[in-house]
Amino acid sequence: RPPSTLASRPTGHLIYQCGGIDKRTIEKFEKEAAELGKGSFKYAWVLDKLKAERERGITIDIALWKFETPRYYVTVIDAPGHRDFI
């Protein structure tokens, strides 16, 4: 399994579940990912923005995402885990 699926996908899903990104955007990512044969990567694409990240299924660049819940301010930082990008 590519490293991106180990961190970016569940993190993107958490951001979505907490209201940090809207359903319409996730549906857009799902459609675009399906066109590349990577439909299950829709949540990873919340954090993986670069074309190369999406094509290769790995995090290349650091991503920062901020959102609020009724009780918390949340900051998520996604960093590469692949040895070529550490």
Protein backbone atom coordinates (compact mmCIF):
# COMPACT_ATOMS: atom_id res chain seq x y z
CA ARG A 1 0.00 0.00 0.00
CA PRO A 2 1.43 3.42 -0.90
CA PRO A 3 2.45 5.56 2.10
CA SER A 4 -0.20 8.18 1.26
CA THR A 5 -2.94 5.69 1.98
CA LEU A 6 -1.49 5.12 5.44
CA ALA A 7 -1.75 8.73 6.64
CA SER A 8 -3.35 11.14 4.18
CA ARG A 9 -6.47 9.09 3.53
CA PRO A 10 -7.60 8.59 7.15
CA THR A 11 -6.56 12.15 7.99
CA GLY A 12 -8.58 13.54 5.09
CA HIS A 13 -11.54 11.44 6.20
CA LEU A 14 -11.21 12.81 9.74
CA ILE A 15 -11.16 16.38 8.39
CA TYR A 16 -14.33 15.62 6.42
CA GLN A 17 -16.10 13.95 9.36
CA CYS A 18 -15.30 16.94 11.59
CA GLY A 19 -16.73 19.39 9.06
CA GLY A 20 -13.39 20.73 7.86
CA ILE A 21 -14.27 20.19 4.19
CA ASP A 22 -17.65 20.07 2.48
CA LYS A 23 -19.31 17.07 0.86
CA ARG A 24 -19.32 18.68 -2.59
CA THR A 25 -15.53 18.97 -2.57
CA ILE A 26 -15.17 15.33 -1.50
CA GLU A 27 -17.53 14.28 -4.31
CA LYS A 28 -15.38 16.26 -6.77
CA PHE A 29 -12.23 14.52 -5.48
CA GLU A 30 -13.99 11.15 -5.72
CA LYS A 31 -14.91 11.74 -9.37
CA GLU A 32 -11.41 12.95 -10.29
CA ALA A 33 -9.77 10.07 -8.40
CA ALA A 34 -12.06 7.53 -10.09
CA GLU A 35 -11.03 8.90 -13.49
CA LEU A 36 -7.43 7.99 -12.58
CA GLY A 37 -8.47 4.58 -11.23
CA LYS A 38 -7.88 5.74 -7.64
CA GLY A 39 -11.42 6.24 -6.34
CA SER A 40 -10.48 5.24 -2.81
CA PHE A 41 -7.99 8.12 -2.64
CA LYS A 42 -10.67 10.83 -2.44
CA TYR A 43 -9.87 11.60 1.20
CA ALA A 44 -6.10 11.57 0.63
CA TRP A 45 -6.65 14.35 -1.92
CA VAL A 46 -7.82 16.67 0.85
CA LEU A 47 -4.13 16.95 1.78
CA ASP A 48 -2.32 15.72 -1.34
CA LYS A 49 -2.74 18.65 -3.74
CA LEU A 50 0.13 18.22 -6.20
CA LYS A 51 -0.54 16.39 -9.45
CA ALA A 52 2.48 14.15 -8.81
CA GLU A 53 1.17 13.27 -5.33
CA ARG A 54 -2.19 12.27 -6.73
CA GLU A 55 -0.73 10.27 -9.60
CA ARG A 56 1.85 8.44 -7.48
CA GLY A 57 -0.25 8.05 -4.32
CA ILE A 58 2.43 9.50 -2.05
CA THR A 59 2.87 12.73 -0.12
CA ILE A 60 5.68 14.82 -1.60
CA ASP A 61 5.12 18.25 -0.04
CA ILE A 62 4.06 19.35 3.42
CA ALA A 63 0.37 20.24 3.70
CA LEU A 64 -1.33 22.29 6.40
CA TRP A 65 -5.08 22.20 7.05
CA LYS A 66 -6.95 24.21 9.69
CA PHE A 67 -10.57 23.85 10.75
CA GLU A 68 -12.80 24.34 13.77
CA THR A 69 -15.20 22.06 15.58
CA PRO A 70 -17.69 23.38 18.14
CA ARG A 71 -15.08 22.73 20.84
CA TYR A 72 -11.66 22.85 19.20
CA TYR A 73 -9.41 24.64 16.74
CA VAL A 74 -7.60 21.93 14.80
CA THR A 75 -4.41 22.17 12.75
CA VAL A 76 -3.35 19.14 10.73
CA ILE A 77 0.13 18.91 9.23
CA ASP A 78 0.81 16.17 6.68
CA ALA A 79 4.46 15.55 5.91
CA PRO A 80 6.09 13.11 3.48
CA GLY A 81 6.82 9.65 4.82
CA HIS A 82 8.49 8.32 1.68
CA ARG A 83 12.26 8.18 2.10
CA ASP A 84 12.87 10.09 -1.14
CA PHE A 85 11.07 13.15 0.26
CA ILE A 86 12.03 13.21 3.94
